[in-house]
């Protein structure tokens, strides 16, 4: 779809610096007004962009632990990955696992994810 941009000459002082509102004309000839960042987009705009996204932090840490475990198995299984100048690679995987376990304990206690902390 081809659009011809017809923007304003600069930032709108009423909206603050850095906010441009441009008008584009679509292929059907109708004007399409694109709102700049921070404009009122209505009820169908989705979640509030200023609020953090709720995620299960413990699950993310578990995925990281699984990745470190797979890396450790691969490094130990392939001799060229843990000999010579790469003799430190298995220890990097072990350090990732240990730090991941510490992080998992931290998150489950509620320090890193206070809202989603598990009571136990």
PDB file of N, CA and C in Angstrom:
ATOM      1  N   UNK A   1       0.851  -1.160   0.000  1.00  0.00           N
ATOM      2  CA  UNK A   1       0.000   0.000   0.000  1.00  0.00           C
ATOM      3  C   UNK A   1       0.898   1.224   0.000  1.00  0.00           C
ATOM      4  N   UNK A   2       0.621   2.154  -0.865  1.00  0.00           N
ATOM      5  CA  UNK A   2       1.446   3.334  -1.029  1.00  0.00           C
ATOM      6  C   UNK A   2       0.827   4.487  -0.261  1.00  0.00           C
ATOM      7  N   UNK A   3       1.677   5.199   0.498  1.00  0.00           N
ATOM      8  CA  UNK A   3       1.177   6.343   1.255  1.00  0.00           C
ATOM      9  C   UNK A   3       2.069   7.539   1.000  1.00  0.00           C
ATOM     10  N   UNK A   4       1.453   8.692   0.854  1.00  0.00           N
ATOM     11  CA  UNK A   4       2.195   9.941   0.721  1.00  0.00           C
ATOM     12  C   UNK A   4       2.142  10.653   2.056  1.00  0.00           C
ATOM     13  N   UNK A   5       3.291  10.897   2.655  1.00  0.00           N
ATOM     14  CA  UNK A   5       3.361  11.521   3.974  1.00  0.00           C
ATOM     15  C   UNK A   5       3.192  13.031   3.840  1.00  0.00           C
ATOM     16  N   UNK A   6       2.372  13.613   4.690  1.00  0.00           N
ATOM     17  CA  UNK A   6       2.201  15.052   4.782  1.00  0.00           C
ATOM     18  C   UNK A   6       2.267  15.405   6.255  1.00  0.00           C
ATOM     19  N   UNK A   7       3.442  15.465   6.816  1.00  0.00           N
ATOM     20  CA  UNK A   7       3.605  15.707   8.248  1.00  0.00           C
ATOM     21  C   UNK A   7       3.639  17.183   8.569  1.00  0.00           C
ATOM     22  N   UNK A   8       3.668  17.479   9.849  1.00  0.00           N
ATOM     23  CA  UNK A   8       3.798  18.853  10.292  1.00  0.00           C
ATOM     24  C   UNK A   8       5.236  19.283  10.137  1.00  0.00           C
ATOM     25  N   UNK A   9       5.479  20.569  10.178  1.00  0.00           N
ATOM     26  CA  UNK A   9       6.826  21.067   9.972  1.00  0.00           C
ATOM     27  C   UNK A   9       7.725  20.868  11.172  1.00  0.00           C
ATOM     28  N   UNK A  10       7.185  20.526  12.331  1.00  0.00           N
ATOM     29  CA  UNK A  10       7.997  20.325  13.520  1.00  0.00           C
ATOM     30  C   UNK A  10       7.137  19.820  14.648  1.00  0.00           C
ATOM     31  N   UNK A  11       7.722  19.757  15.836  1.00  0.00           N
ATOM     32  CA  UNK A  11       6.953  19.271  16.971  1.00  0.00           C
ATOM     33  C   UNK A  11       5.837  20.233  17.350  1.00  0.00           C
ATOM     34  N   UNK A  12       4.750  19.662  17.794  1.00  0.00           N
ATOM     35  CA  UNK A  12       3.603  20.452  18.233  1.00  0.00           C
ATOM     36  C   UNK A  12       3.870  20.933  19.652  1.00  0.00           C
ATOM     37  N   UNK A  13       3.949  22.258  19.906  1.00  0.00           N
ATOM     38  CA  UNK A  13       4.263  22.738  21.249  1.00  0.00           C
ATOM     39  C   UNK A  13       3.207  22.354  22.274  1.00  0.00           C
ATOM     40  N   UNK A  14       1.990  22.153  21.864  1.00  0.00           N
ATOM     41  CA  UNK A  14       0.933  21.782  22.809  1.00  0.00           C
ATOM     42  C   UNK A  14       1.112  20.350  23.288  1.00  0.00           C
ATOM     43  N   UNK A  15       1.739  19.501  22.490  1.00  0.00           N
ATOM     44  CA  UNK A  15       1.917  18.106  22.856  1.00  0.00           C
ATOM     45  C   UNK A  15       3.281  17.856  23.471  1.00  0.00           C
ATOM     46  N   UNK A  16       4.178  18.793  23.391  1.00  0.00           N
ATOM     47  CA  UNK A  16       5.511  18.600  23.942  1.00  0.00           C
ATOM     48  C   UNK A  16       6.512  18.315  22.849  1.00  0.00           C
ATOM     49  N   UNK A  17       7.771  18.443  23.201  1.00  0.00           N
ATOM     50  CA  UNK A  17       8.832  18.216  22.226  1.00  0.00           C
ATOM     51  C   UNK A  17       8.880  16.759  21.823  1.00  0.00           C
ATOM     52  N   UNK A  18       9.136  16.530  20.567  1.00  0.00           N
ATOM     53  CA  UNK A  18       9.321  15.162  20.107  1.00  0.00           C
ATOM     54  C   UNK A  18       8.044  14.451  19.729  1.00  0.00           C
ATOM     55  N   UNK A  19       6.912  15.118  19.771  1.00  0.00           N
ATOM     56  CA  UNK A  19       5.675  14.436  19.377  1.00  0.00           C
ATOM     57  C   UNK A  19       5.183  15.031  18.081  1.00  0.00           C
ATOM     58  N   UNK A  20       5.196  14.269  17.035  1.00  0.00           N
ATOM     59  CA  UNK A  20       4.703  14.685  15.733  1.00  0.00           C
ATOM     60  C   UNK A  20       3.413  13.961  15.429  1.00  0.00           C
ATOM     61  N   UNK A  21       2.472  14.671  14.863  1.00  0.00           N
ATOM     62  CA  UNK A  21       1.258  14.053  14.379  1.00  0.00           C
ATOM     63  C   UNK A  21       1.264  14.265  12.882  1.00  0.00           C
ATOM     64  N   UNK A  22       1.263  13.198  12.140  1.00  0.00           N
ATOM     65  CA  UNK A  22       1.309  13.302  10.694  1.00  0.00           C
ATOM     66  C   UNK A  22       0.022  12.800  10.079  1.00  0.00           C
ATOM     67  N   UNK A  23      -0.247  13.235   8.873  1.00  0.00           N
ATOM     68  CA  UNK A  23      -1.414  12.778   8.143  1.00  0.00           C
ATOM     69  C   UNK A  23      -0.920  12.051   6.906  1.00  0.00           C
ATOM     70  N   UNK A  24      -1.468  10.898   6.653  1.00  0.00           N
ATOM     71  CA  UNK A  24      -1.103  10.134   5.470  1.00  0.00           C
ATOM     72  C   UNK A  24      -2.360   9.818   4.694  1.00  0.00           C
ATOM     73  N   UNK A  25      -2.236   9.745   3.405  1.00  0.00           N
ATOM     74  CA  UNK A  25      -3.372   9.417   2.567  1.00  0.00           C
ATOM     75  C   UNK A  25      -3.176   8.019   2.023  1.00  0.00           C
ATOM     76  N   UNK A  26      -4.158   7.168   2.258  1.00  0.00           N
ATOM     77  CA  UNK A  26      -4.076   5.790   1.802  1.00  0.00           C
ATOM     78  C   UNK A  26      -4.406   5.667   0.328  1.00  0.00           C
ATOM     79  N   UNK A  27      -4.364   4.447  -0.166  1.00  0.00           N
ATOM     80  CA  UNK A  27      -4.644   4.189  -1.575  1.00  0.00           C
ATOM     81  C   UNK A  27      -6.089   4.508  -1.922  1.00  0.00           C
ATOM     82  N   UNK A  28      -6.985   4.430  -0.921  1.00  0.00           N
ATOM     83  CA  UNK A  28      -8.391   4.709  -1.182  1.00  0.00           C
ATOM     84  C   UNK A  28      -8.706   6.196  -1.129  1.00  0.00           C
ATOM     85  N   UNK A  29      -7.706   7.051  -0.833  1.00  0.00           N
ATOM     86  CA  UNK A  29      -7.918   8.493  -0.838  1.00  0.00           C
ATOM     87  C   UNK A  29      -8.367   9.068   0.490  1.00  0.00           C
ATOM     88  N   UNK A  30      -8.645   8.203   1.482  1.00  0.00           N
ATOM     89  CA  UNK A  30      -9.086   8.711   2.779  1.00  0.00           C
ATOM     90  C   UNK A  30      -7.887   9.136   3.604  1.00  0.00           C
ATOM     91  N   UNK A  31      -8.074  10.132   4.445  1.00  0.00           N
ATOM     92  CA  UNK A  31      -7.005  10.601   5.319  1.00  0.00           C
ATOM     93  C   UNK A  31      -6.869   9.644   6.500  1.00  0.00           C
ATOM     94  N   UNK A  32      -5.642   9.311   6.834  1.00  0.00           N
ATOM     95  CA  UNK A  32      -5.345   8.431   7.947  1.00  0.00           C
ATOM     96  C   UNK A  32      -4.477   9.213   8.923  1.00  0.00           C
ATOM     97  N   UNK A  33      -5.032   9.538  10.086  1.00  0.00           N
ATOM     98  CA  UNK A  33      -4.279  10.300  11.068  1.00  0.00           C
ATOM     99  C   UNK A  33      -3.605   9.325  12.005  1.00  0.00           C
ATOM    100  N   UNK A  34      -2.292   9.414  12.079  1.00  0.00           N
ATOM    101  CA  UNK A  34      -1.533   8.548  12.975  1.00  0.00           C
ATOM    102  C   UNK A  34      -1.161   9.346  14.202  1.00  0.00           C
ATOM    103  N   UNK A  35      -1.562   8.838  15.357  1.00  0.00           N
ATOM    104  CA  UNK A  35      -1.282   9.531  16.605  1.00  0.00           C
ATOM    105  C   UNK A  35       0.152   9.290  17.027  1.00  0.00           C
ATOM    106  N   UNK A  36       0.736  10.301  17.621  1.00  0.00           N
ATOM    107  CA  UNK A  36       2.107  10.177  18.120  1.00  0.00           C
ATOM    108  C   UNK A  36       2.102   9.512  19.482  1.00  0.00           C
ATOM    109  N   UNK A  37       3.279   9.239  19.973  1.00  0.00           N
ATOM    110  CA  UNK A  37       3.438   8.591  21.268  1.00  0.00           C
ATOM    111  C   UNK A  37       2.776   9.433  22.345  1.00  0.00           C
ATOM    112  N   UNK A  38       1.986   8.786  23.187  1.00  0.00           N
ATOM    113  CA  UNK A  38       1.341   9.472  24.293  1.00  0.00           C
ATOM    114  C   UNK A  38      -0.032  10.021  23.957  1.00  0.00           C
ATOM    115  N   UNK A  39      -0.501   9.868  22.744  1.00  0.00           N
ATOM    116  CA  UNK A  39      -1.811  10.379  22.378  1.00  0.00           C
ATOM    117  C   UNK A  39      -2.897   9.436  22.865  1.00  0.00           C
ATOM    118  N   UNK A  40      -4.112   9.951  23.023  1.00  0.00           N
ATOM    119  CA  UNK A  40      -5.236   9.134  23.462  1.00  0.00           C
ATOM    120  C   UNK A  40      -5.659   8.234  22.314  1.00  0.00           C
ATOM    121  N   UNK A  41      -5.499   6.929  22.486  1.00  0.00           N
ATOM    122  CA  UNK A  41      -5.799   5.987  21.415  1.00  0.00           C
ATOM    123  C   UNK A  41      -7.129   5.275  21.602  1.00  0.00           C
ATOM    124  N   UNK A  42      -7.835   5.542  22.679  1.00  0.00           N
ATOM    125  CA  UNK A  42      -9.125   4.920  22.892  1.00  0.00           C
ATOM    126  C   UNK A  42      -9.037   3.627  23.669  1.00  0.00           C
ATOM    127  N   UNK A  43     -10.183   2.986  23.864  1.00  0.00           N
ATOM    128  CA  UNK A  43     -10.272   1.782  24.681  1.00  0.00           C
ATOM    129  C   UNK A  43      -9.687   0.549  23.979  1.00  0.00           C
ATOM    130  N   UNK A  44      -9.629   0.554  22.653  1.00  0.00           N
ATOM    131  CA  UNK A  44      -9.152  -0.614  21.916  1.00  0.00           C
ATOM    132  C   UNK A  44      -7.639  -0.610  21.697  1.00  0.00           C
ATOM    133  N   UNK A  45      -6.924   0.264  22.372  1.00  0.00           N
ATOM    134  CA  UNK A  45      -5.485   0.409  22.140  1.00  0.00           C
ATOM    135  C   UNK A  45      -4.667  -0.699  22.785  1.00  0.00           C
ATOM    136  N   UNK A  46      -5.223  -1.477  23.705  1.00  0.00           N
ATOM    137  CA  UNK A  46      -4.477  -2.545  24.351  1.00  0.00           C
ATOM    138  C   UNK A  46      -4.057  -2.128  25.752  1.00  0.00           C
ATOM    139  N   UNK A  47      -3.088  -2.840  26.317  1.00  0.00           N
ATOM    140  CA  UNK A  47      -2.670  -2.546  27.681  1.00  0.00           C
ATOM    141  C   UNK A  47      -1.936  -1.215  27.771  1.00  0.00           C
ATOM    142  N   UNK A  48      -1.942  -0.653  28.959  1.00  0.00           N
ATOM    143  CA  UNK A  48      -1.269   0.605  29.213  1.00  0.00           C
ATOM    144  C   UNK A  48       0.234   0.412  29.027  1.00  0.00           C
ATOM    145  N   UNK A  49       0.878   1.130  28.107  1.00  0.00           N
ATOM    146  CA  UNK A  49       2.297   0.903  27.842  1.00  0.00           C
ATOM    147  C   UNK A  49       3.216   1.325  28.983  1.00  0.00           C
ATOM    148  N   UNK A  50       2.709   2.048  29.969  1.00  0.00           N
ATOM    149  CA  UNK A  50       3.567   2.481  31.070  1.00  0.00           C
ATOM    150  C   UNK A  50       3.634   1.472  32.199  1.00  0.00           C
ATOM    151  N   UNK A  51       2.790   0.460  32.180  1.00  0.00           N
ATOM    152  CA  UNK A  51       2.805  -0.554  33.235  1.00  0.00           C
ATOM    153  C   UNK A  51       3.687  -1.717  32.824  1.00  0.00           C
ATOM    154  N   UNK A  52       4.426  -2.303  33.782  1.00  0.00           N
ATOM    155  CA  UNK A  52       5.266  -3.451  33.432  1.00  0.00           C
ATOM    156  C   UNK A  52       4.418  -4.668  33.070  1.00  0.00           C
ATOM    157  N   UNK A  53       4.947  -5.475  32.202  1.00  0.00           N
ATOM    158  CA  UNK A  53       4.255  -6.679  31.773  1.00  0.00           C
ATOM    159  C   UNK A  53       4.420  -7.745  32.856  1.00  0.00           C
ATOM    160  N   UNK A  54       3.337  -8.385  33.213  1.00  0.00           N
ATOM    161  CA  UNK A  54       3.384  -9.434  34.227  1.00  0.00           C
ATOM    162  C   UNK A  54       3.918 -10.716  33.597  1.00  0.00           C
ATOM    163  N   UNK A  55       5.053 -11.180  34.098  1.00  0.00           N
ATOM    164  CA  UNK A  55       5.663 -12.413  33.603  1.00  0.00           C
ATOM    165  C   UNK A  55       5.979 -13.317  34.783  1.00  0.00           C
ATOM    166  N   UNK A  56       6.072 -14.592  34.513  1.00  0.00           N
ATOM    167  CA  UNK A  56       6.460 -15.552  35.533  1.00  0.00           C
ATOM    168  C   UNK A  56       7.987 -15.626  35.523  1.00  0.00           C
ATOM    169  N   UNK A  57       8.614 -14.850  36.390  1.00  0.00           N
ATOM    170  CA  UNK A  57      10.067 -14.743  36.412  1.00  0.00           C
ATOM    171  C   UNK A  57      10.718 -16.077  36.723  1.00  0.00           C
ATOM    172  N   UNK A  58      10.110 -16.860  37.598  1.00  0.00           N
ATOM    173  CA  UNK A  58      10.676 -18.164  37.945  1.00  0.00           C
ATOM    174  C   UNK A  58      10.752 -19.059  36.709  1.00  0.00           C
ATOM    175  N   UNK A  59       9.765 -18.990  35.855  1.00  0.00           N
ATOM    176  CA  UNK A  59       9.772 -19.807  34.630  1.00  0.00           C
ATOM    177  C   UNK A  59      10.904 -19.365  33.702  1.00  0.00           C
ATOM    178  N   UNK A  60      11.148 -18.078  33.621  1.00  0.00           N
ATOM    179  CA  UNK A  60      12.227 -17.569  32.781  1.00  0.00           C
ATOM    180  C   UNK A  60      13.575 -18.059  33.309  1.00  0.00           C
ATOM    181  N   UNK A  61      13.756 -18.025  34.628  1.00  0.00           N
ATOM    182  CA  UNK A  61      15.001 -18.506  35.227  1.00  0.00           C
ATOM    183  C   UNK A  61      15.151 -20.005  34.986  1.00  0.00           C
ATOM    184  N   UNK A  62      14.062 -20.757  35.071  1.00  0.00           N
ATOM    185  CA  UNK A  62      14.122 -22.201  34.810  1.00  0.00           C
ATOM    186  C   UNK A  62      14.525 -22.494  33.365  1.00  0.00           C
ATOM    187  N   UNK A  63      14.039 -21.700  32.428  1.00  0.00           N
ATOM    188  CA  UNK A  63      14.433 -21.878  31.027  1.00  0.00           C
ATOM    189  C   UNK A  63      15.927 -21.597  30.873  1.00  0.00           C
ATOM    190  N   UNK A  64      16.427 -20.574  31.543  1.00  0.00           N
ATOM    191  CA  UNK A  64      17.854 -20.289  31.509  1.00  0.00           C
ATOM    192  C   UNK A  64      18.673 -21.423  32.105  1.00  0.00           C
ATOM    193  N   UNK A  65      18.192 -21.992  33.208  1.00  0.00           N
ATOM    194  CA  UNK A  65      18.876 -23.136  33.816  1.00  0.00           C
ATOM    195  C   UNK A  65      18.917 -24.326  32.858  1.00  0.00           C
ATOM    196  N   UNK A  66      17.816 -24.563  32.180  1.00  0.00           N
ATOM    197  CA  UNK A  66      17.772 -25.669  31.217  1.00  0.00           C
ATOM    198  C   UNK A  66      18.771 -25.433  30.084  1.00  0.00           C
ATOM    199  N   UNK A  67      18.888 -24.204  29.630  1.00  0.00           N
ATOM    200  CA  UNK A  67      19.857 -23.892  28.570  1.00  0.00           C
ATOM    201  C   UNK A  67      21.285 -24.141  29.042  1.00  0.00           C
ATOM    202  N   UNK A  68      21.609 -23.729  30.283  1.00  0.00           N
ATOM    203  CA  UNK A  68      22.953 -23.973  30.820  1.00  0.00           C
ATOM    204  C   UNK A  68      23.212 -25.469  30.981  1.00  0.00           C
ATOM    205  N   UNK A  69      22.191 -26.224  31.377  1.00  0.00           N
ATOM    206  CA  UNK A  69      22.359 -27.672  31.527  1.00  0.00           C
ATOM    207  C   UNK A  69      22.632 -28.330  30.178  1.00  0.00           C
ATOM    208  N   UNK A  70      21.911 -27.927  29.153  1.00  0.00           N
ATOM    209  CA  UNK A  70      22.133 -28.464  27.804  1.00  0.00           C
ATOM    210  C   UNK A  70      23.537 -28.092  27.328  1.00  0.00           C
ATOM    211  N   UNK A  71      23.940 -26.850  27.579  1.00  0.00           N
ATOM    212  CA  UNK A  71      25.280 -26.416  27.175  1.00  0.00           C
ATOM    213  C   UNK A  71      26.355 -27.242  27.886  1.00  0.00           C
ATOM    214  N   UNK A  72      26.153 -27.534  29.162  1.00  0.00           N
ATOM    215  CA  UNK A  72      27.123 -28.330  29.901  1.00  0.00           C
ATOM    216  C   UNK A  72      27.231 -29.741  29.329  1.00  0.00           C
ATOM    217  N   UNK A  73      26.098 -30.348  29.008  1.00  0.00           N
ATOM    218  CA  UNK A  73      26.107 -31.697  28.432  1.00  0.00           C
ATOM    219  C   UNK A  73      26.833 -31.693  27.085  1.00  0.00           C
ATOM    220  N   UNK A  74      26.573 -30.700  26.255  1.00  0.00           N
ATOM    221  CA  UNK A  74      27.215 -30.627  24.944  1.00  0.00           C
ATOM    222  C   UNK A  74      28.721 -30.414  25.098  1.00  0.00           C
ATOM    223  N   UNK A  75      29.109 -29.511  25.988  1.00  0.00           N
ATOM    224  CA  UNK A  75      30.534 -29.225  26.174  1.00  0.00           C
ATOM    225  C   UNK A  75      31.273 -30.436  26.705  1.00  0.00           C
ATOM    226  N   UNK A  76      30.657 -31.167  27.620  1.00  0.00           N
ATOM    227  CA  UNK A  76      31.311 -32.347  28.175  1.00  0.00           C
ATOM    228  C   UNK A  76      31.319 -33.500  27.157  1.00  0.00           C
ATOM    229  N   UNK A  77      30.297 -33.604  26.331  1.00  0.00           N
ATOM    230  CA  UNK A  77      30.190 -34.705  25.368  1.00  0.00           C
ATOM    231  C   UNK A  77      31.139 -34.546  24.188  1.00  0.00           C
ATOM    232  N   UNK A  78      31.475 -33.322  23.828  1.00  0.00           N
ATOM    233  CA  UNK A  78      32.358 -33.074  22.682  1.00  0.00           C
ATOM    234  C   UNK A  78      33.744 -32.719  23.217  1.00  0.00           C
ATOM    235  N   UNK A  79      34.701 -33.619  23.076  1.00  0.00           N
ATOM    236  CA  UNK A  79      36.029 -33.392  23.676  1.00  0.00           C
ATOM    237  C   UNK A  79      36.721 -32.114  23.201  1.00  0.00           C
ATOM    238  N   UNK A  80      36.530 -31.731  21.962  1.00  0.00           N
ATOM    239  CA  UNK A  80      37.210 -30.528  21.468  1.00  0.00           C
ATOM    240  C   UNK A  80      36.686 -29.248  22.113  1.00  0.00           C
ATOM    241  N   UNK A  81      35.537 -29.332  22.784  1.00  0.00           N
ATOM    242  CA  UNK A  81      34.974 -28.153  23.438  1.00  0.00           C
ATOM    243  C   UNK A  81      35.449 -27.984  24.881  1.00  0.00           C
ATOM    244  N   UNK A  82      36.193 -28.945  25.416  1.00  0.00           N
ATOM    245  CA  UNK A  82      36.675 -28.772  26.785  1.00  0.00           C
ATOM    246  C   UNK A  82      38.151 -29.139  26.958  1.00  0.00           C
ATOM    247  N   UNK A  83      38.888 -29.119  25.869  1.00  0.00           N
ATOM    248  CA  UNK A  83      40.322 -29.392  25.953  1.00  0.00           C
ATOM    249  C   UNK A  83      41.107 -28.203  25.408  1.00  0.00           C
ATOM    250  N   UNK A  84      42.360 -28.138  25.784  1.00  0.00           N
ATOM    251  CA  UNK A  84      43.242 -27.082  25.286  1.00  0.00           C
ATOM    252  C   UNK A  84      42.874 -25.727  25.858  1.00  0.00           C
ATOM    253  N   UNK A  85      42.745 -24.753  24.991  1.00  0.00           N
ATOM    254  CA  UNK A  85      42.429 -23.390  25.439  1.00  0.00           C
ATOM    255  C   UNK A  85      40.968 -23.236  25.859  1.00  0.00           C
ATOM    256  N   UNK A  86      40.169 -24.254  25.623  1.00  0.00           N
ATOM    257  CA  UNK A  86      38.741 -24.200  26.003  1.00  0.00           C
ATOM    258  C   UNK A  86      38.462 -24.991  27.271  1.00  0.00           C
ATOM    259  N   UNK A  87      39.459 -25.236  28.078  1.00  0.00           N
ATOM    260  CA  UNK A  87      39.251 -26.041  29.283  1.00  0.00           C
ATOM    261  C   UNK A  87      38.375 -25.341  30.317  1.00  0.00           C
ATOM    262  N   UNK A  88      38.114 -24.079  30.160  1.00  0.00           N
ATOM    263  CA  UNK A  88      37.271 -23.331  31.089  1.00  0.00           C
ATOM    264  C   UNK A  88      35.793 -23.356  30.701  1.00  0.00           C
ATOM    265  N   UNK A  89      35.439 -23.830  29.530  1.00  0.00           N
ATOM    266  CA  UNK A  89      34.048 -23.827  29.081  1.00  0.00           C
ATOM    267  C   UNK A  89      33.108 -24.620  29.997  1.00  0.00           C
ATOM    268  N   UNK A  90      33.459 -25.810  30.451  1.00  0.00           N
ATOM    269  CA  UNK A  90      32.534 -26.516  31.355  1.00  0.00           C
ATOM    270  C   UNK A  90      32.294 -25.738  32.645  1.00  0.00           C
ATOM    271  N   UNK A  91      33.338 -25.060  33.125  1.00  0.00           N
ATOM    272  CA  UNK A  91      33.174 -24.291  34.364  1.00  0.00           C
ATOM    273  C   UNK A  91      32.282 -23.081  34.174  1.00  0.00           C
ATOM    274  N   UNK A  92      32.240 -22.558  32.975  1.00  0.00           N
ATOM    275  CA  UNK A  92      31.312 -21.469  32.685  1.00  0.00           C
ATOM    276  C   UNK A  92      29.868 -21.964  32.777  1.00  0.00           C
ATOM    277  N   UNK A  93      29.627 -23.153  32.244  1.00  0.00           N
ATOM    278  CA  UNK A  93      28.281 -23.741  32.327  1.00  0.00           C
ATOM    279  C   UNK A  93      27.910 -24.036  33.776  1.00  0.00           C
ATOM    280  N   UNK A  94      28.861 -24.541  34.547  1.00  0.00           N
ATOM    281  CA  UNK A  94      28.606 -24.829  35.962  1.00  0.00           C
ATOM    282  C   UNK A  94      28.299 -23.526  36.700  1.00  0.00           C
ATOM    283  N   UNK A  95      29.067 -22.470  36.413  1.00  0.00           N
ATOM    284  CA  UNK A  95      28.811 -21.174  37.049  1.00  0.00           C
ATOM    285  C   UNK A  95      27.420 -20.654  36.673  1.00  0.00           C
ATOM    286  N   UNK A  96      27.019 -20.838  35.407  1.00  0.00           N
ATOM    287  CA  UNK A  96      25.678 -20.434  34.988  1.00  0.00           C
ATOM    288  C   UNK A  96      24.596 -21.177  35.738  1.00  0.00           C
ATOM    289  N   UNK A  97      24.810 -22.467  35.954  1.00  0.00           N
ATOM    290  CA  UNK A  97      23.836 -23.268  36.704  1.00  0.00           C
ATOM    291  C   UNK A  97      23.764 -22.828  38.166  1.00  0.00           C
ATOM    292  N   UNK A  98      24.932 -22.616  38.786  1.00  0.00           N
ATOM    293  CA  UNK A  98      24.943 -22.212  40.200  1.00  0.00           C
ATOM    294  C   UNK A  98      24.293 -20.835  40.376  1.00  0.00           C
ATOM    295  N   UNK A  99      24.666 -19.891  39.531  1.00  0.00           N
ATOM    296  CA  UNK A  99      24.064 -18.558  39.629  1.00  0.00           C
ATOM    297  C   UNK A  99      22.572 -18.589  39.302  1.00  0.00           C
ATOM    298  N   UNK A 100      22.175 -19.447  38.361  1.00  0.00           N
ATOM    299  CA  UNK A 100      20.754 -19.592  38.053  1.00  0.00           C
ATOM    300  C   UNK A 100      19.969 -20.149  39.226  1.00  0.00           C
ATOM    301  N   UNK A 101      20.557 -21.111  39.934  1.00  0.00           N
ATOM    302  CA  UNK A 101      19.888 -21.665  41.118  1.00  0.00           C
ATOM    303  C   UNK A 101      19.769 -20.618  42.224  1.00  0.00           C
ATOM    304  N   UNK A 102      20.819 -19.819  42.391  1.00  0.00           N
ATOM    305  CA  UNK A 102      20.737 -18.725  43.367  1.00  0.00           C
ATOM    306  C   UNK A 102      19.647 -17.722  42.959  1.00  0.00           C
ATOM    307  N   UNK A 103      19.599 -17.404  41.685  1.00  0.00           N
ATOM    308  CA  UNK A 103      18.574 -16.493  41.188  1.00  0.00           C
ATOM    309  C   UNK A 103      17.178 -17.056  41.348  1.00  0.00           C
ATOM    310  N   UNK A 104      17.028 -18.344  41.126  1.00  0.00           N
ATOM    311  CA  UNK A 104      15.721 -18.980  41.293  1.00  0.00           C
ATOM    312  C   UNK A 104      15.265 -18.900  42.743  1.00  0.00           C
ATOM    313  N   UNK A 105      16.186 -19.154  43.669  1.00  0.00           N
ATOM    314  CA  UNK A 105      15.842 -19.015  45.090  1.00  0.00           C
ATOM    315  C   UNK A 105      15.452 -17.592  45.438  1.00  0.00           C
ATOM    316  N   UNK A 106      16.157 -16.630  44.871  1.00  0.00           N
ATOM    317  CA  UNK A 106      15.877 -15.216  45.105  1.00  0.00           C
ATOM    318  C   UNK A 106      14.487 -14.840  44.589  1.00  0.00           C
ATOM    319  N   UNK A 107      14.182 -15.293  43.385  1.00  0.00           N
ATOM    320  CA  UNK A 107      12.883 -14.964  42.781  1.00  0.00           C
ATOM    321  C   UNK A 107      11.748 -15.657  43.523  1.00  0.00           C
ATOM    322  N   UNK A 108      11.929 -16.901  43.880  1.00  0.00           N
ATOM    323  CA  UNK A 108      10.858 -17.636  44.570  1.00  0.00           C
ATOM    324  C   UNK A 108      10.597 -17.091  45.966  1.00  0.00           C
ATOM    325  N   UNK A 109      11.628 -16.524  46.593  1.00  0.00           N
ATOM    326  CA  UNK A 109      11.437 -15.899  47.894  1.00  0.00           C
ATOM    327  C   UNK A 109      10.636 -14.612  47.772  1.00  0.00           C
ATOM    328  N   UNK A 110      10.637 -14.007  46.609  1.00  0.00           N
ATOM    329  CA  UNK A 110       9.829 -12.826  46.379  1.00  0.00           C
ATOM    330  C   UNK A 110      10.607 -11.556  46.209  1.00  0.00           C
ATOM    331  N   UNK A 111      11.910 -11.573  46.280  1.00  0.00           N
ATOM    332  CA  UNK A 111      12.685 -10.339  46.141  1.00  0.00           C
ATOM    333  C   UNK A 111      12.705  -9.842  44.701  1.00  0.00           C
ATOM    334  N   UNK A 112      12.833 -10.723  43.755  1.00  0.00           N
ATOM    335  CA  UNK A 112      12.923 -10.310  42.365  1.00  0.00           C
ATOM    336  C   UNK A 112      11.580 -10.225  41.676  1.00  0.00           C
ATOM    337  N   UNK A 113      10.549 -10.764  42.290  1.00  0.00           N
ATOM    338  CA  UNK A 113       9.228 -10.806  41.675  1.00  0.00           C
ATOM    339  C   UNK A 113       8.204 -10.713  42.796  1.00  0.00           C
ATOM    340  N   UNK A 114       8.175  -9.586  43.499  1.00  0.00           N
ATOM    341  CA  UNK A 114       7.396  -9.451  44.719  1.00  0.00           C
ATOM    342  C   UNK A 114       5.909  -9.727  44.523  1.00  0.00           C
ATOM    343  N   UNK A 115       5.353  -9.318  43.405  1.00  0.00           N
ATOM    344  CA  UNK A 115       3.928  -9.509  43.172  1.00  0.00           C
ATOM    345  C   UNK A 115       3.612 -10.992  42.972  1.00  0.00           C
ATOM    346  N   UNK A 116       4.464 -11.700  42.230  1.00  0.00           N
ATOM    347  CA  UNK A 116       4.195 -13.095  41.909  1.00  0.00           C
ATOM    348  C   UNK A 116       4.898 -14.075  42.826  1.00  0.00           C
ATOM    349  N   UNK A 117       5.381 -13.625  43.998  1.00  0.00           N
ATOM    350  CA  UNK A 117       6.105 -14.523  44.891  1.00  0.00           C
ATOM    351  C   UNK A 117       5.183 -15.630  45.392  1.00  0.00           C
ATOM    352  N   UNK A 118       5.741 -16.804  45.454  1.00  0.00           N
ATOM    353  CA  UNK A 118       4.965 -17.951  45.945  1.00  0.00           C
ATOM    354  C   UNK A 118       5.049 -17.992  47.452  1.00  0.00           C
ATOM    355  N   UNK A 119       3.931 -18.157  48.097  1.00  0.00           N
ATOM    356  CA  UNK A 119       3.913 -18.266  49.563  1.00  0.00           C
ATOM    357  C   UNK A 119       4.216 -19.705  49.930  1.00  0.00           C
ATOM    358  N   UNK A 120       5.140 -19.900  50.850  1.00  0.00           N
ATOM    359  CA  UNK A 120       5.439 -21.286  51.166  1.00  0.00           C
ATOM    360  C   UNK A 120       6.193 -21.509  52.399  1.00  0.00           C
TER     361      UNK A 120
END
